[in-house]
Amino acid sequence: MSKKLVDLNRERALYDPESEFNSPCDIAKEVGLTRGEKLAALQRWSYSVDRRLASGYEGMPTNGTEPRDAELFRNIELTREYLEHESP
């Protein structure tokens, strides 16, 4: 369920979306953000997850989060594709 507009911390939503939303779909449903802001937030989240995955590939400890992060990365990309092709 998306947050109420008054509950949304816009700065965190845009710059640290993983701390503000439970899933990429929650970003897509958020009425307090423009489509462009949603896409930017998803891009930031995608970058963060990609860096965690890359760290694992480079041998850094990931505490077994790779499968969850790989699924999260996939969901972020699917949500981005949905928003990019959604009618304005």
N, C-alpha and C. Protein backbone atom coordinates (compact mmCIF):
# COMPACT_ATOMS: atom_id res chain seq x y z
N MET A 1 0.84 -1.18 0.00
CA MET A 1 0.00 0.00 0.00
C MET A 1 0.89 1.24 0.00
N SER A 2 0.54 2.23 -0.82
CA SER A 2 1.38 3.42 -0.88
C SER A 2 1.12 4.31 0.34
N LYS A 3 2.12 5.11 0.64
CA LYS A 3 2.01 6.00 1.79
C LYS A 3 1.12 7.19 1.42
N LYS A 4 0.54 7.80 2.43
CA LYS A 4 -0.20 9.03 2.22
C LYS A 4 0.80 10.12 1.87
N LEU A 5 0.37 11.08 1.09
CA LEU A 5 1.24 12.17 0.68
C LEU A 5 1.91 12.84 1.87
N VAL A 6 1.19 13.03 2.95
CA VAL A 6 1.76 13.71 4.11
C VAL A 6 2.80 12.84 4.82
N ASP A 7 2.75 11.52 4.64
CA ASP A 7 3.70 10.62 5.29
C ASP A 7 4.99 10.46 4.49
N LEU A 8 4.99 10.88 3.25
CA LEU A 8 6.14 10.67 2.37
C LEU A 8 7.29 11.61 2.74
N ASN A 9 8.44 11.04 2.98
CA ASN A 9 9.66 11.82 3.16
C ASN A 9 10.27 11.94 1.77
N ARG A 10 10.01 13.04 1.08
CA ARG A 10 10.42 13.19 -0.32
C ARG A 10 11.93 13.04 -0.51
N GLU A 11 12.70 13.61 0.38
CA GLU A 11 14.15 13.53 0.22
C GLU A 11 14.62 12.07 0.29
N ARG A 12 14.15 11.35 1.29
CA ARG A 12 14.52 9.94 1.39
C ARG A 12 13.96 9.14 0.23
N ALA A 13 12.74 9.45 -0.18
CA ALA A 13 12.11 8.74 -1.30
C ALA A 13 12.94 8.89 -2.57
N LEU A 14 13.50 10.07 -2.78
CA LEU A 14 14.26 10.33 -4.00
C LEU A 14 15.71 9.88 -3.91
N TYR A 15 16.32 10.01 -2.75
CA TYR A 15 17.76 9.76 -2.64
C TYR A 15 18.13 8.47 -1.93
N ASP A 16 17.21 7.90 -1.19
CA ASP A 16 17.44 6.62 -0.52
C ASP A 16 16.12 5.82 -0.54
N PRO A 17 15.63 5.49 -1.74
CA PRO A 17 14.31 4.88 -1.84
C PRO A 17 14.18 3.57 -1.07
N GLU A 18 15.25 2.85 -0.92
CA GLU A 18 15.20 1.57 -0.20
C GLU A 18 14.81 1.77 1.26
N SER A 19 15.11 2.94 1.82
CA SER A 19 14.75 3.20 3.21
C SER A 19 13.31 3.72 3.34
N GLU A 20 12.72 4.16 2.25
CA GLU A 20 11.38 4.75 2.30
C GLU A 20 10.29 3.82 1.78
N PHE A 21 10.65 2.89 0.91
CA PHE A 21 9.66 2.01 0.29
C PHE A 21 9.99 0.54 0.56
N ASN A 22 8.95 -0.28 0.65
CA ASN A 22 9.13 -1.71 0.87
C ASN A 22 9.46 -2.45 -0.41
N SER A 23 9.01 -1.91 -1.55
CA SER A 23 9.24 -2.59 -2.82
C SER A 23 9.25 -1.58 -3.95
N PRO A 24 9.81 -1.94 -5.08
CA PRO A 24 9.77 -1.05 -6.24
C PRO A 24 8.34 -0.72 -6.67
N CYS A 25 7.42 -1.66 -6.52
CA CYS A 25 6.01 -1.40 -6.87
C CYS A 25 5.43 -0.28 -6.03
N ASP A 26 5.87 -0.16 -4.78
CA ASP A 26 5.39 0.92 -3.93
C ASP A 26 5.78 2.29 -4.50
N ILE A 27 6.93 2.36 -5.13
CA ILE A 27 7.33 3.61 -5.78
C ILE A 27 6.38 3.91 -6.94
N ALA A 28 6.09 2.90 -7.75
CA ALA A 28 5.21 3.10 -8.90
C ALA A 28 3.82 3.57 -8.47
N LYS A 29 3.36 3.14 -7.32
CA LYS A 29 2.02 3.49 -6.83
C LYS A 29 1.99 4.84 -6.10
N GLU A 30 3.14 5.39 -5.78
CA GLU A 30 3.21 6.61 -4.96
C GLU A 30 2.65 7.81 -5.72
N VAL A 31 1.60 8.41 -5.19
CA VAL A 31 0.97 9.56 -5.84
C VAL A 31 1.72 10.87 -5.58
N GLY A 32 2.62 10.87 -4.62
CA GLY A 32 3.34 12.09 -4.26
C GLY A 32 4.58 12.34 -5.09
N LEU A 33 4.87 11.47 -6.05
CA LEU A 33 6.04 11.64 -6.91
C LEU A 33 5.62 11.67 -8.37
N THR A 34 6.32 12.46 -9.16
CA THR A 34 6.06 12.46 -10.60
C THR A 34 6.66 11.20 -11.21
N ARG A 35 6.29 10.92 -12.44
CA ARG A 35 6.85 9.75 -13.11
C ARG A 35 8.37 9.86 -13.22
N GLY A 36 8.84 11.05 -13.54
CA GLY A 36 10.29 11.27 -13.62
C GLY A 36 10.99 11.04 -12.29
N GLU A 37 10.37 11.47 -11.21
CA GLU A 37 10.96 11.25 -9.88
C GLU A 37 10.95 9.77 -9.53
N LYS A 38 9.89 9.08 -9.90
CA LYS A 38 9.82 7.64 -9.65
C LYS A 38 10.93 6.92 -10.39
N LEU A 39 11.13 7.29 -11.66
CA LEU A 39 12.18 6.66 -12.46
C LEU A 39 13.56 6.96 -11.88
N ALA A 40 13.77 8.19 -11.43
CA ALA A 40 15.06 8.54 -10.82
C ALA A 40 15.29 7.77 -9.53
N ALA A 41 14.25 7.62 -8.71
CA ALA A 41 14.38 6.87 -7.46
C ALA A 41 14.69 5.41 -7.75
N LEU A 42 14.02 4.85 -8.74
CA LEU A 42 14.29 3.46 -9.11
C LEU A 42 15.71 3.30 -9.64
N GLN A 43 16.19 4.28 -10.38
CA GLN A 43 17.57 4.23 -10.88
C GLN A 43 18.56 4.23 -9.73
N ARG A 44 18.32 5.07 -8.73
CA ARG A 44 19.22 5.10 -7.56
C ARG A 44 19.19 3.78 -6.81
N TRP A 45 18.00 3.24 -6.64
CA TRP A 45 17.86 1.96 -5.94
C TRP A 45 18.57 0.86 -6.72
N SER A 46 18.39 0.87 -8.03
CA SER A 46 19.03 -0.11 -8.90
C SER A 46 20.56 -0.04 -8.77
N TYR A 47 21.09 1.17 -8.75
CA TYR A 47 22.53 1.35 -8.62
C TYR A 47 23.03 0.78 -7.29
N SER A 48 22.30 1.06 -6.23
CA SER A 48 22.68 0.58 -4.91
C SER A 48 22.71 -0.96 -4.87
N VAL A 49 21.68 -1.58 -5.40
CA VAL A 49 21.61 -3.05 -5.41
C VAL A 49 22.71 -3.61 -6.31
N ASP A 50 22.94 -2.97 -7.46
CA ASP A 50 23.99 -3.42 -8.38
C ASP A 50 25.36 -3.38 -7.71
N ARG A 51 25.62 -2.34 -6.92
CA ARG A 51 26.90 -2.24 -6.20
C ARG A 51 27.04 -3.37 -5.18
N ARG A 52 25.95 -3.69 -4.49
CA ARG A 52 26.02 -4.80 -3.52
C ARG A 52 26.31 -6.11 -4.24
N LEU A 53 25.64 -6.32 -5.36
CA LEU A 53 25.88 -7.55 -6.12
C LEU A 53 27.31 -7.60 -6.64
N ALA A 54 27.81 -6.48 -7.13
CA ALA A 54 29.19 -6.43 -7.63
C ALA A 54 30.19 -6.71 -6.51
N SER A 55 29.90 -6.23 -5.32
CA SER A 55 30.78 -6.50 -4.18
C SER A 55 30.90 -7.99 -3.93
N GLY A 56 29.78 -8.69 -4.04
CA GLY A 56 29.79 -10.14 -3.86
C GLY A 56 30.63 -10.83 -4.92
N TYR A 57 30.52 -10.36 -6.16
CA TYR A 57 31.29 -10.93 -7.25
C TYR A 57 32.78 -10.68 -7.06
N GLU A 58 33.11 -9.59 -6.35
CA GLU A 58 34.51 -9.24 -6.11
C GLU A 58 35.06 -9.91 -4.87
N GLY A 59 34.25 -10.76 -4.23
CA GLY A 59 34.72 -11.52 -3.09
C GLY A 59 34.45 -10.91 -1.73
N MET A 60 33.77 -9.79 -1.68
CA MET A 60 33.45 -9.18 -0.39
C MET A 60 32.29 -9.95 0.24
N PRO A 61 32.24 -10.05 1.56
CA PRO A 61 31.15 -10.78 2.21
C PRO A 61 29.81 -10.09 2.00
N THR A 62 28.79 -10.87 1.68
CA THR A 62 27.45 -10.32 1.45
C THR A 62 26.42 -10.93 2.38
N ASN A 63 26.86 -11.81 3.26
CA ASN A 63 25.96 -12.45 4.22
C ASN A 63 24.78 -13.16 3.56
N GLY A 64 25.01 -13.69 2.38
CA GLY A 64 23.98 -14.48 1.70
C GLY A 64 22.84 -13.69 1.11
N THR A 65 23.03 -12.40 0.85
CA THR A 65 21.95 -11.57 0.33
C THR A 65 21.85 -11.58 -1.20
N GLU A 66 22.77 -12.26 -1.90
CA GLU A 66 22.78 -12.21 -3.36
C GLU A 66 21.46 -12.64 -3.99
N PRO A 67 20.85 -13.76 -3.59
CA PRO A 67 19.59 -14.15 -4.23
C PRO A 67 18.49 -13.11 -4.04
N ARG A 68 18.39 -12.56 -2.84
CA ARG A 68 17.37 -11.53 -2.57
C ARG A 68 17.66 -10.27 -3.38
N ASP A 69 18.93 -9.86 -3.43
CA ASP A 69 19.29 -8.68 -4.19
C ASP A 69 19.09 -8.89 -5.70
N ALA A 70 19.37 -10.09 -6.18
CA ALA A 70 19.16 -10.36 -7.61
C ALA A 70 17.67 -10.26 -7.96
N GLU A 71 16.80 -10.77 -7.10
CA GLU A 71 15.36 -10.68 -7.32
C GLU A 71 14.90 -9.22 -7.20
N LEU A 72 15.43 -8.49 -6.24
CA LEU A 72 15.10 -7.08 -6.08
C LEU A 72 15.53 -6.30 -7.32
N PHE A 73 16.72 -6.55 -7.82
CA PHE A 73 17.21 -5.87 -9.02
C PHE A 73 16.28 -6.14 -10.19
N ARG A 74 15.85 -7.38 -10.33
CA ARG A 74 14.92 -7.74 -11.41
C ARG A 74 13.60 -6.98 -11.25
N ASN A 75 13.07 -6.91 -10.04
CA ASN A 75 11.81 -6.19 -9.79
C ASN A 75 11.95 -4.69 -10.05
N ILE A 76 13.08 -4.13 -9.70
CA ILE A 76 13.32 -2.71 -9.99
C ILE A 76 13.28 -2.47 -11.49
N GLU A 77 13.98 -3.33 -12.24
CA GLU A 77 14.02 -3.16 -13.70
C GLU A 77 12.64 -3.33 -14.32
N LEU A 78 11.87 -4.30 -13.84
CA LEU A 78 10.51 -4.49 -14.37
C LEU A 78 9.63 -3.28 -14.07
N THR A 79 9.77 -2.72 -12.89
CA THR A 79 8.99 -1.54 -12.53
C THR A 79 9.40 -0.34 -13.37
N ARG A 80 10.69 -0.19 -13.60
CA ARG A 80 11.16 0.91 -14.47
C ARG A 80 10.59 0.77 -15.87
N GLU A 81 10.64 -0.45 -16.40
CA GLU A 81 10.09 -0.68 -17.74
C GLU A 81 8.60 -0.33 -17.79
N TYR A 82 7.87 -0.72 -16.77
CA TYR A 82 6.44 -0.43 -16.69
C TYR A 82 6.21 1.09 -16.73
N LEU A 83 6.94 1.83 -15.89
CA LEU A 83 6.77 3.27 -15.82
C LEU A 83 7.18 3.95 -17.13
N GLU A 84 8.23 3.46 -17.77
CA GLU A 84 8.69 4.05 -19.01
C GLU A 84 7.68 3.88 -20.14
N HIS A 85 6.89 2.81 -20.10
CA HIS A 85 5.94 2.53 -21.17
C HIS A 85 4.50 2.87 -20.80
N GLU A 86 4.30 3.34 -19.58
CA GLU A 86 2.97 3.71 -19.11
C GLU A 86 2.51 4.97 -19.83
N SER A 87 1.25 5.03 -20.17
CA SER A 87 0.70 6.23 -20.80
C SER A 87 0.73 7.39 -19.81
N PRO A 88 1.12 8.58 -20.26
CA PRO A 88 1.17 9.73 -19.35
C PRO A 88 -0.17 10.14 -18.83
